[in-house]
Amino acid sequence: NQVRTGLARMERVVRERMTTQDVEAITPQTLINIRPVVASIKEFFGTSQLSQFMDQNNPLSGLTHKRRLSALGPGGLSRERAGLDVRDVHPSH
């Protein structure tokens, strides 16, 4: 859905630019702007409850961040549906 929104914005920008620019001077580089698509993808990964930016200070901080990741949230596990195998302590703890 987010990518579709970004592509629709990009299509609208291309259509607007096609009406305002000279036909002989039009090139794909002058028409297409990928910023709306990139912005919608960044918005998806930045605002979703299931996504986080990984702590990349050093390898150990990256490992500890991966251990703290949660599967709760929209589209993930719920507290009611989480079975015993999900609640078990990982052997690395």
PDB file of N, CA and C in Angstrom:
ATOM      1  N   ASN A   1       0.818  -1.198   0.000  1.00  0.00           N
ATOM      2  CA  ASN A   1       0.000   0.000   0.000  1.00  0.00           C
ATOM      3  C   ASN A   1       0.863   1.262   0.000  1.00  0.00           C
ATOM      4  N   GLN A   2       1.920   1.274   0.810  1.00  0.00           N
ATOM      5  CA  GLN A   2       2.795   2.444   0.876  1.00  0.00           C
ATOM      6  C   GLN A   2       3.521   2.663  -0.454  1.00  0.00           C
ATOM      7  N   VAL A   3       3.981   1.577  -1.061  1.00  0.00           N
ATOM      8  CA  VAL A   3       4.685   1.697  -2.342  1.00  0.00           C
ATOM      9  C   VAL A   3       3.724   2.172  -3.423  1.00  0.00           C
ATOM     10  N   ARG A   4       2.500   1.668  -3.389  1.00  0.00           N
ATOM     11  CA  ARG A   4       1.495   2.094  -4.364  1.00  0.00           C
ATOM     12  C   ARG A   4       1.225   3.595  -4.229  1.00  0.00           C
ATOM     13  N   THR A   5       1.170   4.088  -3.009  1.00  0.00           N
ATOM     14  CA  THR A   5       0.963   5.517  -2.782  1.00  0.00           C
ATOM     15  C   THR A   5       2.123   6.325  -3.353  1.00  0.00           C
ATOM     16  N   GLY A   6       3.346   5.865  -3.106  1.00  0.00           N
ATOM     17  CA  GLY A   6       4.518   6.553  -3.642  1.00  0.00           C
ATOM     18  C   GLY A   6       4.551   6.553  -5.154  1.00  0.00           C
ATOM     19  N   LEU A   7       4.184   5.418  -5.759  1.00  0.00           N
ATOM     20  CA  LEU A   7       4.148   5.351  -7.223  1.00  0.00           C
ATOM     21  C   LEU A   7       3.066   6.259  -7.795  1.00  0.00           C
ATOM     22  N   ALA A   8       1.930   6.362  -7.108  1.00  0.00           N
ATOM     23  CA  ALA A   8       0.865   7.258  -7.576  1.00  0.00           C
ATOM     24  C   ALA A   8       1.320   8.712  -7.516  1.00  0.00           C
ATOM     25  N   ARG A   9       2.046   9.066  -6.461  1.00  0.00           N
ATOM     26  CA  ARG A   9       2.570  10.436  -6.368  1.00  0.00           C
ATOM     27  C   ARG A   9       3.571  10.704  -7.487  1.00  0.00           C
ATOM     28  N   MET A  10       4.445   9.717  -7.744  1.00  0.00           N
ATOM     29  CA  MET A  10       5.433   9.884  -8.806  1.00  0.00           C
ATOM     30  C   MET A  10       4.740  10.006 -10.162  1.00  0.00           C
ATOM     31  N   GLU A  11       3.693   9.231 -10.388  1.00  0.00           N
ATOM     32  CA  GLU A  11       2.951   9.310 -11.647  1.00  0.00           C
ATOM     33  C   GLU A  11       2.335  10.696 -11.825  1.00  0.00           C
ATOM     34  N   ARG A  12       1.786  11.238 -10.742  1.00  0.00           N
ATOM     35  CA  ARG A  12       1.184  12.571 -10.817  1.00  0.00           C
ATOM     36  C   ARG A  12       2.233  13.628 -11.170  1.00  0.00           C
ATOM     37  N   VAL A  13       3.429  13.513 -10.577  1.00  0.00           N
ATOM     38  CA  VAL A  13       4.504  14.463 -10.873  1.00  0.00           C
ATOM     39  C   VAL A  13       4.941  14.342 -12.327  1.00  0.00           C
ATOM     40  N   VAL A  14       5.054  13.110 -12.834  1.00  0.00           N
ATOM     41  CA  VAL A  14       5.459  12.900 -14.231  1.00  0.00           C
ATOM     42  C   VAL A  14       4.419  13.492 -15.172  1.00  0.00           C
ATOM     43  N   ARG A  15       3.140  13.276 -14.886  1.00  0.00           N
ATOM     44  CA  ARG A  15       2.084  13.833 -15.751  1.00  0.00           C
ATOM     45  C   ARG A  15       2.120  15.362 -15.761  1.00  0.00           C
ATOM     46  N   GLU A  16       2.354  15.961 -14.584  1.00  0.00           N
ATOM     47  CA  GLU A  16       2.434  17.420 -14.518  1.00  0.00           C
ATOM     48  C   GLU A  16       3.625  17.940 -15.314  1.00  0.00           C
ATOM     49  N   ARG A  17       4.754  17.260 -15.192  1.00  0.00           N
ATOM     50  CA  ARG A  17       5.951  17.702 -15.914  1.00  0.00           C
ATOM     51  C   ARG A  17       5.805  17.507 -17.421  1.00  0.00           C
ATOM     52  N   MET A  18       5.067  16.480 -17.840  1.00  0.00           N
ATOM     53  CA  MET A  18       4.866  16.254 -19.274  1.00  0.00           C
ATOM     54  C   MET A  18       4.047  17.376 -19.898  1.00  0.00           C
ATOM     55  N   THR A  19       3.143  17.963 -19.135  1.00  0.00           N
ATOM     56  CA  THR A  19       2.312  19.038 -19.690  1.00  0.00           C
ATOM     57  C   THR A  19       3.044  20.369 -19.719  1.00  0.00           C
ATOM     58  N   THR A  20       4.055  20.537 -18.859  1.00  0.00           N
ATOM     59  CA  THR A  20       4.710  21.841 -18.776  1.00  0.00           C
ATOM     60  C   THR A  20       5.998  21.931 -19.574  1.00  0.00           C
ATOM     61  N   GLN A  21       6.612  20.797 -19.955  1.00  0.00           N
ATOM     62  CA  GLN A  21       7.905  20.853 -20.629  1.00  0.00           C
ATOM     63  C   GLN A  21       7.760  20.710 -22.141  1.00  0.00           C
ATOM     64  N   ASP A  22       8.783  21.174 -22.836  1.00  0.00           N
ATOM     65  CA  ASP A  22       8.828  21.094 -24.294  1.00  0.00           C
ATOM     66  C   ASP A  22       9.018  19.641 -24.718  1.00  0.00           C
ATOM     67  N   VAL A  23       8.300  19.217 -25.748  1.00  0.00           N
ATOM     68  CA  VAL A  23       8.312  17.819 -26.191  1.00  0.00           C
ATOM     69  C   VAL A  23       9.708  17.402 -26.661  1.00  0.00           C
ATOM     70  N   GLU A  24      10.432  18.276 -27.353  1.00  0.00           N
ATOM     71  CA  GLU A  24      11.759  17.928 -27.859  1.00  0.00           C
ATOM     72  C   GLU A  24      12.800  17.850 -26.745  1.00  0.00           C
ATOM     73  N   ALA A  25      12.569  18.520 -25.634  1.00  0.00           N
ATOM     74  CA  ALA A  25      13.566  18.573 -24.558  1.00  0.00           C
ATOM     75  C   ALA A  25      13.305  17.550 -23.453  1.00  0.00           C
ATOM     76  N   ILE A  26      12.246  16.768 -23.589  1.00  0.00           N
ATOM     77  CA  ILE A  26      11.898  15.820 -22.524  1.00  0.00           C
ATOM     78  C   ILE A  26      12.841  14.620 -22.555  1.00  0.00           C
ATOM     79  N   THR A  27      13.389  14.303 -21.396  1.00  0.00           N
ATOM     80  CA  THR A  27      14.171  13.076 -21.200  1.00  0.00           C
ATOM     81  C   THR A  27      13.637  12.389 -19.946  1.00  0.00           C
ATOM     82  N   PRO A  28      13.890  11.100 -19.802  1.00  0.00           N
ATOM     83  CA  PRO A  28      13.420  10.419 -18.580  1.00  0.00           C
ATOM     84  C   PRO A  28      13.968  11.050 -17.295  1.00  0.00           C
ATOM     85  N   GLN A  29      15.197  11.559 -17.364  1.00  0.00           N
ATOM     86  CA  GLN A  29      15.785  12.171 -16.176  1.00  0.00           C
ATOM     87  C   GLN A  29      15.050  13.442 -15.760  1.00  0.00           C
ATOM     88  N   THR A  30      14.512  14.168 -16.730  1.00  0.00           N
ATOM     89  CA  THR A  30      13.794  15.392 -16.382  1.00  0.00           C
ATOM     90  C   THR A  30      12.370  15.113 -15.921  1.00  0.00           C
ATOM     91  N   LEU A  31      11.815  13.973 -16.311  1.00  0.00           N
ATOM     92  CA  LEU A  31      10.435  13.654 -15.945  1.00  0.00           C
ATOM     93  C   LEU A  31      10.320  12.935 -14.606  1.00  0.00           C
ATOM     94  N   ILE A  32      11.170  11.937 -14.398  1.00  0.00           N
ATOM     95  CA  ILE A  32      10.984  11.028 -13.264  1.00  0.00           C
ATOM     96  C   ILE A  32      11.742  11.530 -12.047  1.00  0.00           C
ATOM     97  N   ASN A  33      11.025  11.598 -10.943  1.00  0.00           N
ATOM     98  CA  ASN A  33      11.601  11.942  -9.650  1.00  0.00           C
ATOM     99  C   ASN A  33      11.215  10.822  -8.688  1.00  0.00           C
ATOM    100  N   ILE A  34      12.192  10.096  -8.165  1.00  0.00           N
ATOM    101  CA  ILE A  34      11.886   8.944  -7.313  1.00  0.00           C
ATOM    102  C   ILE A  34      11.724   9.322  -5.847  1.00  0.00           C
ATOM    103  N   ARG A  35      11.840  10.584  -5.514  1.00  0.00           N
ATOM    104  CA  ARG A  35      11.728  10.993  -4.106  1.00  0.00           C
ATOM    105  C   ARG A  35      10.408  10.592  -3.455  1.00  0.00           C
ATOM    106  N   PRO A  36       9.251  10.700  -4.131  1.00  0.00           N
ATOM    107  CA  PRO A  36       8.006  10.262  -3.471  1.00  0.00           C
ATOM    108  C   PRO A  36       8.007   8.778  -3.115  1.00  0.00           C
ATOM    109  N   VAL A  37       8.591   7.941  -3.974  1.00  0.00           N
ATOM    110  CA  VAL A  37       8.644   6.505  -3.690  1.00  0.00           C
ATOM    111  C   VAL A  37       9.579   6.238  -2.523  1.00  0.00           C
ATOM    112  N   VAL A  38      10.747   6.863  -2.539  1.00  0.00           N
ATOM    113  CA  VAL A  38      11.713   6.681  -1.454  1.00  0.00           C
ATOM    114  C   VAL A  38      11.126   7.184  -0.140  1.00  0.00           C
ATOM    115  N   ALA A  39      10.430   8.310  -0.176  1.00  0.00           N
ATOM    116  CA  ALA A  39       9.832   8.857   1.043  1.00  0.00           C
ATOM    117  C   ALA A  39       8.766   7.931   1.606  1.00  0.00           C
ATOM    118  N   SER A  40       7.958   7.325   0.746  1.00  0.00           N
ATOM    119  CA  SER A  40       6.915   6.427   1.247  1.00  0.00           C
ATOM    120  C   SER A  40       7.521   5.158   1.837  1.00  0.00           C
ATOM    121  N   ILE A  41       8.600   4.646   1.253  1.00  0.00           N
ATOM    122  CA  ILE A  41       9.258   3.461   1.812  1.00  0.00           C
ATOM    123  C   ILE A  41       9.900   3.791   3.152  1.00  0.00           C
ATOM    124  N   LYS A  42      10.564   4.943   3.234  1.00  0.00           N
ATOM    125  CA  LYS A  42      11.163   5.348   4.512  1.00  0.00           C
ATOM    126  C   LYS A  42      10.086   5.570   5.568  1.00  0.00           C
ATOM    127  N   GLU A  43       8.956   6.136   5.164  1.00  0.00           N
ATOM    128  CA  GLU A  43       7.855   6.344   6.104  1.00  0.00           C
ATOM    129  C   GLU A  43       7.341   5.012   6.634  1.00  0.00           C
ATOM    130  N   PHE A  44       7.222   4.016   5.755  1.00  0.00           N
ATOM    131  CA  PHE A  44       6.748   2.700   6.180  1.00  0.00           C
ATOM    132  C   PHE A  44       7.702   2.085   7.193  1.00  0.00           C
ATOM    133  N   PHE A  45       8.984   2.074   6.874  1.00  0.00           N
ATOM    134  CA  PHE A  45       9.940   1.438   7.771  1.00  0.00           C
ATOM    135  C   PHE A  45      10.214   2.271   9.014  1.00  0.00           C
ATOM    136  N   GLY A  46       9.937   3.561   8.970  1.00  0.00           N
ATOM    137  CA  GLY A  46      10.186   4.407  10.130  1.00  0.00           C
ATOM    138  C   GLY A  46       9.027   4.495  11.096  1.00  0.00           C
ATOM    139  N   THR A  47       7.798   4.240  10.629  1.00  0.00           N
ATOM    140  CA  THR A  47       6.641   4.433  11.500  1.00  0.00           C
ATOM    141  C   THR A  47       5.958   3.147  11.913  1.00  0.00           C
ATOM    142  N   SER A  48       6.311   2.026  11.318  1.00  0.00           N
ATOM    143  CA  SER A  48       5.675   0.767  11.684  1.00  0.00           C
ATOM    144  C   SER A  48       6.096   0.349  13.081  1.00  0.00           C
ATOM    145  N   GLN A  49       5.151  -0.216  13.833  1.00  0.00           N
ATOM    146  CA  GLN A  49       5.466  -0.667  15.186  1.00  0.00           C
ATOM    147  C   GLN A  49       6.400  -1.863  15.173  1.00  0.00           C
ATOM    148  N   LEU A  50       6.434  -2.584  14.066  1.00  0.00           N
ATOM    149  CA  LEU A  50       7.270  -3.776  13.987  1.00  0.00           C
ATOM    150  C   LEU A  50       8.669  -3.493  13.461  1.00  0.00           C
ATOM    151  N   SER A  51       8.964  -2.273  13.046  1.00  0.00           N
ATOM    152  CA  SER A  51      10.294  -1.989  12.516  1.00  0.00           C
ATOM    153  C   SER A  51      11.040  -1.042  13.442  1.00  0.00           C
ATOM    154  N   GLN A  52      12.330  -1.266  13.531  1.00  0.00           N
ATOM    155  CA  GLN A  52      13.212  -0.435  14.345  1.00  0.00           C
ATOM    156  C   GLN A  52      14.512  -0.255  13.585  1.00  0.00           C
ATOM    157  N   PHE A  53      15.186   0.865  13.820  1.00  0.00           N
ATOM    158  CA  PHE A  53      16.519   1.031  13.276  1.00  0.00           C
ATOM    159  C   PHE A  53      17.493   0.322  14.200  1.00  0.00           C
ATOM    160  N   MET A  54      18.363  -0.503  13.617  1.00  0.00           N
ATOM    161  CA  MET A  54      19.263  -1.301  14.434  1.00  0.00           C
ATOM    162  C   MET A  54      20.407  -0.450  14.967  1.00  0.00           C
ATOM    163  N   ASP A  55      20.740  -0.686  16.213  1.00  0.00           N
ATOM    164  CA  ASP A  55      21.865  -0.024  16.851  1.00  0.00           C
ATOM    165  C   ASP A  55      23.147  -0.606  16.270  1.00  0.00           C
ATOM    166  N   GLN A  56      23.929   0.205  15.553  1.00  0.00           N
ATOM    167  CA  GLN A  56      25.102  -0.304  14.846  1.00  0.00           C
ATOM    168  C   GLN A  56      26.396   0.310  15.358  1.00  0.00           C
ATOM    169  N   ASN A  57      26.467   0.606  16.654  1.00  0.00           N
ATOM    170  CA  ASN A  57      27.693   1.187  17.192  1.00  0.00           C
ATOM    171  C   ASN A  57      28.846   0.200  17.136  1.00  0.00           C
ATOM    172  N   ASN A  58      28.594  -1.018  17.548  1.00  0.00           N
ATOM    173  CA  ASN A  58      29.611  -2.065  17.488  1.00  0.00           C
ATOM    174  C   ASN A  58      28.898  -3.406  17.331  1.00  0.00           C
ATOM    175  N   PRO A  59      29.620  -4.481  17.037  1.00  0.00           N
ATOM    176  CA  PRO A  59      28.958  -5.782  16.817  1.00  0.00           C
ATOM    177  C   PRO A  59      28.165  -6.276  18.021  1.00  0.00           C
ATOM    178  N   LEU A  60      28.647  -6.021  19.224  1.00  0.00           N
ATOM    179  CA  LEU A  60      27.939  -6.483  20.415  1.00  0.00           C
ATOM    180  C   LEU A  60      26.613  -5.753  20.595  1.00  0.00           C
ATOM    181  N   SER A  61      26.585  -4.449  20.317  1.00  0.00           N
ATOM    182  CA  SER A  61      25.325  -3.715  20.450  1.00  0.00           C
ATOM    183  C   SER A  61      24.316  -4.180  19.401  1.00  0.00           C
ATOM    184  N   GLY A  62      24.794  -4.555  18.212  1.00  0.00           N
ATOM    185  CA  GLY A  62      23.892  -5.102  17.196  1.00  0.00           C
ATOM    186  C   GLY A  62      23.275  -6.412  17.636  1.00  0.00           C
ATOM    187  N   LEU A  63      24.073  -7.274  18.274  1.00  0.00           N
ATOM    188  CA  LEU A  63      23.548  -8.548  18.774  1.00  0.00           C
ATOM    189  C   LEU A  63      22.521  -8.339  19.874  1.00  0.00           C
ATOM    190  N   THR A  64      22.806  -7.443  20.808  1.00  0.00           N
ATOM    191  CA  THR A  64      21.852  -7.218  21.896  1.00  0.00           C
ATOM    192  C   THR A  64      20.568  -6.599  21.369  1.00  0.00           C
ATOM    193  N   HIS A  65      20.668  -5.750  20.349  1.00  0.00           N
ATOM    194  CA  HIS A  65      19.462  -5.160  19.767  1.00  0.00           C
ATOM    195  C   HIS A  65      18.599  -6.240  19.123  1.00  0.00           C
ATOM    196  N   LYS A  66      19.228  -7.175  18.416  1.00  0.00           N
ATOM    197  CA  LYS A  66      18.475  -8.250  17.770  1.00  0.00           C
ATOM    198  C   LYS A  66      17.792  -9.138  18.794  1.00  0.00           C
ATOM    199  N   ARG A  67      18.363  -9.300  19.960  1.00  0.00           N
ATOM    200  CA  ARG A  67      17.749 -10.134  20.993  1.00  0.00           C
ATOM    201  C   ARG A  67      16.526  -9.449  21.595  1.00  0.00           C
ATOM    202  N   ARG A  68      16.505  -8.113  21.569  1.00  0.00           N
ATOM    203  CA  ARG A  68      15.392  -7.383  22.173  1.00  0.00           C
ATOM    204  C   ARG A  68      14.219  -7.170  21.228  1.00  0.00           C
ATOM    205  N   LEU A  69      14.350  -7.531  19.980  1.00  0.00           N
ATOM    206  CA  LEU A  69      13.270  -7.303  19.015  1.00  0.00           C
ATOM    207  C   LEU A  69      11.992  -7.990  19.458  1.00  0.00           C
ATOM    208  N   SER A  70      10.892  -7.347  19.197  1.00  0.00           N
ATOM    209  CA  SER A  70       9.592  -7.859  19.611  1.00  0.00           C
ATOM    210  C   SER A  70       8.777  -8.259  18.390  1.00  0.00           C
ATOM    211  N   ALA A  71       8.005  -9.309  18.537  1.00  0.00           N
ATOM    212  CA  ALA A  71       7.115  -9.745  17.459  1.00  0.00           C
ATOM    213  C   ALA A  71       5.692  -9.289  17.716  1.00  0.00           C
ATOM    214  N   LEU A  72       5.479  -8.463  18.732  1.00  0.00           N
ATOM    215  CA  LEU A  72       4.139  -7.961  19.029  1.00  0.00           C
ATOM    216  C   LEU A  72       3.846  -6.756  18.153  1.00  0.00           C
ATOM    217  N   GLY A  73       2.599  -6.521  17.846  1.00  0.00           N
ATOM    218  CA  GLY A  73       2.206  -5.376  17.044  1.00  0.00           C
ATOM    219  C   GLY A  73       1.274  -5.801  15.930  1.00  0.00           C
ATOM    220  N   PRO A  74       0.915  -4.873  15.040  1.00  0.00           N
ATOM    221  CA  PRO A  74      -0.014  -5.216  13.963  1.00  0.00           C
ATOM    222  C   PRO A  74       0.608  -6.228  13.009  1.00  0.00           C
ATOM    223  N   GLY A  75      -0.105  -7.312  12.768  1.00  0.00           N
ATOM    224  CA  GLY A  75       0.397  -8.357  11.895  1.00  0.00           C
ATOM    225  C   GLY A  75       1.330  -9.333  12.571  1.00  0.00           C
ATOM    226  N   GLY A  76       1.675  -9.088  13.808  1.00  0.00           N
ATOM    227  CA  GLY A  76       2.570  -9.976  14.549  1.00  0.00           C
ATOM    228  C   GLY A  76       1.791 -10.821  15.541  1.00  0.00           C
ATOM    229  N   LEU A  77       2.481 -11.277  16.553  1.00  0.00           N
ATOM    230  CA  LEU A  77       1.841 -12.091  17.583  1.00  0.00           C
ATOM    231  C   LEU A  77       1.013 -11.222  18.514  1.00  0.00           C
ATOM    232  N   SER A  78      -0.015 -11.805  19.090  1.00  0.00           N
ATOM    233  CA  SER A  78      -0.750 -11.123  20.150  1.00  0.00           C
ATOM    234  C   SER A  78      -0.513 -11.887  21.442  1.00  0.00           C
ATOM    235  N   ARG A  79      -0.729 -11.247  22.548  1.00  0.00           N
ATOM    236  CA  ARG A  79      -0.488 -11.896  23.840  1.00  0.00           C
ATOM    237  C   ARG A  79      -1.398 -13.105  24.032  1.00  0.00           C
ATOM    238  N   GLU A  80      -2.585 -13.057  23.440  1.00  0.00           N
ATOM    239  CA  GLU A  80      -3.524 -14.164  23.595  1.00  0.00           C
ATOM    240  C   GLU A  80      -3.124 -15.368  22.743  1.00  0.00           C
ATOM    241  N   ARG A  81      -2.552 -15.121  21.553  1.00  0.00           N
ATOM    242  CA  ARG A  81      -2.223 -16.207  20.635  1.00  0.00           C
ATOM    243  C   ARG A  81      -0.812 -16.750  20.809  1.00  0.00           C
ATOM    244  N   ALA A  82       0.007 -16.111  21.614  1.00  0.00           N
ATOM    245  CA  ALA A  82       1.391 -16.560  21.777  1.00  0.00           C
ATOM    246  C   ALA A  82       1.420 -17.847  22.588  1.00  0.00           C
ATOM    247  N   GLY A  83       1.943 -18.904  21.996  1.00  0.00           N
ATOM    248  CA  GLY A  83       2.011 -20.194  22.674  1.00  0.00           C
ATOM    249  C   GLY A  83       3.224 -20.290  23.583  1.00  0.00           C
ATOM    250  N   LEU A  84       3.375 -21.467  24.190  1.00  0.00           N
ATOM    251  CA  LEU A  84       4.485 -21.674  25.113  1.00  0.00           C
ATOM    252  C   LEU A  84       5.832 -21.671  24.400  1.00  0.00           C
ATOM    253  N   ASP A  85       5.876 -22.161  23.161  1.00  0.00           N
ATOM    254  CA  ASP A  85       7.147 -22.179  22.444  1.00  0.00           C
ATOM    255  C   ASP A  85       7.663 -20.769  22.164  1.00  0.00           C
ATOM    256  N   VAL A  86       6.764 -19.808  21.981  1.00  0.00           N
ATOM    257  CA  VAL A  86       7.173 -18.422  21.766  1.00  0.00           C
ATOM    258  C   VAL A  86       7.655 -17.808  23.070  1.00  0.00           C
ATOM    259  N   ARG A  87       7.061 -18.204  24.180  1.00  0.00           N
ATOM    260  CA  ARG A  87       7.390 -17.615  25.474  1.00  0.00           C
ATOM    261  C   ARG A  87       8.618 -18.238  26.134  1.00  0.00           C
ATOM    262  N   ASP A  88       9.135 -19.320  25.570  1.00  0.00           N
ATOM    263  CA  ASP A  88      10.316 -19.962  26.154  1.00  0.00           C
ATOM    264  C   ASP A  88      11.521 -19.028  26.124  1.00  0.00           C
ATOM    265  N   VAL A  89      12.415 -19.248  27.059  1.00  0.00           N
ATOM    266  CA  VAL A  89      13.653 -18.477  27.115  1.00  0.00           C
ATOM    267  C   VAL A  89      14.619 -19.053  26.087  1.00  0.00           C
ATOM    268  N   HIS A  90      15.231 -18.177  25.312  1.00  0.00           N
ATOM    269  CA  HIS A  90      16.176 -18.612  24.291  1.00  0.00           C
ATOM    270  C   HIS A  90      17.441 -19.150  24.953  1.00  0.00           C
ATOM    271  N   PRO A  91      18.052 -20.210  24.412  1.00  0.00           N
ATOM    272  CA  PRO A  91      19.248 -20.792  25.037  1.00  0.00           C
ATOM    273  C   PRO A  91      20.418 -19.820  25.154  1.00  0.00           C
ATOM    274  N   SER A  92      20.425 -18.745  24.391  1.00  0.00           N
ATOM    275  CA  SER A  92      21.543 -17.799  24.478  1.00  0.00           C
ATOM    276  C   SER A  92      21.448 -16.899  25.704  1.00  0.00           C
ATOM    277  N   HIS A  93      20.315 -16.925  26.421  1.00  0.00           N
ATOM    278  CA  HIS A  93      20.174 -16.067  27.608  1.00  0.00           C
ATOM    279  C   HIS A  93      20.836 -16.691  28.805  1.00  0.00           C
TER     280      HIS A  93
END
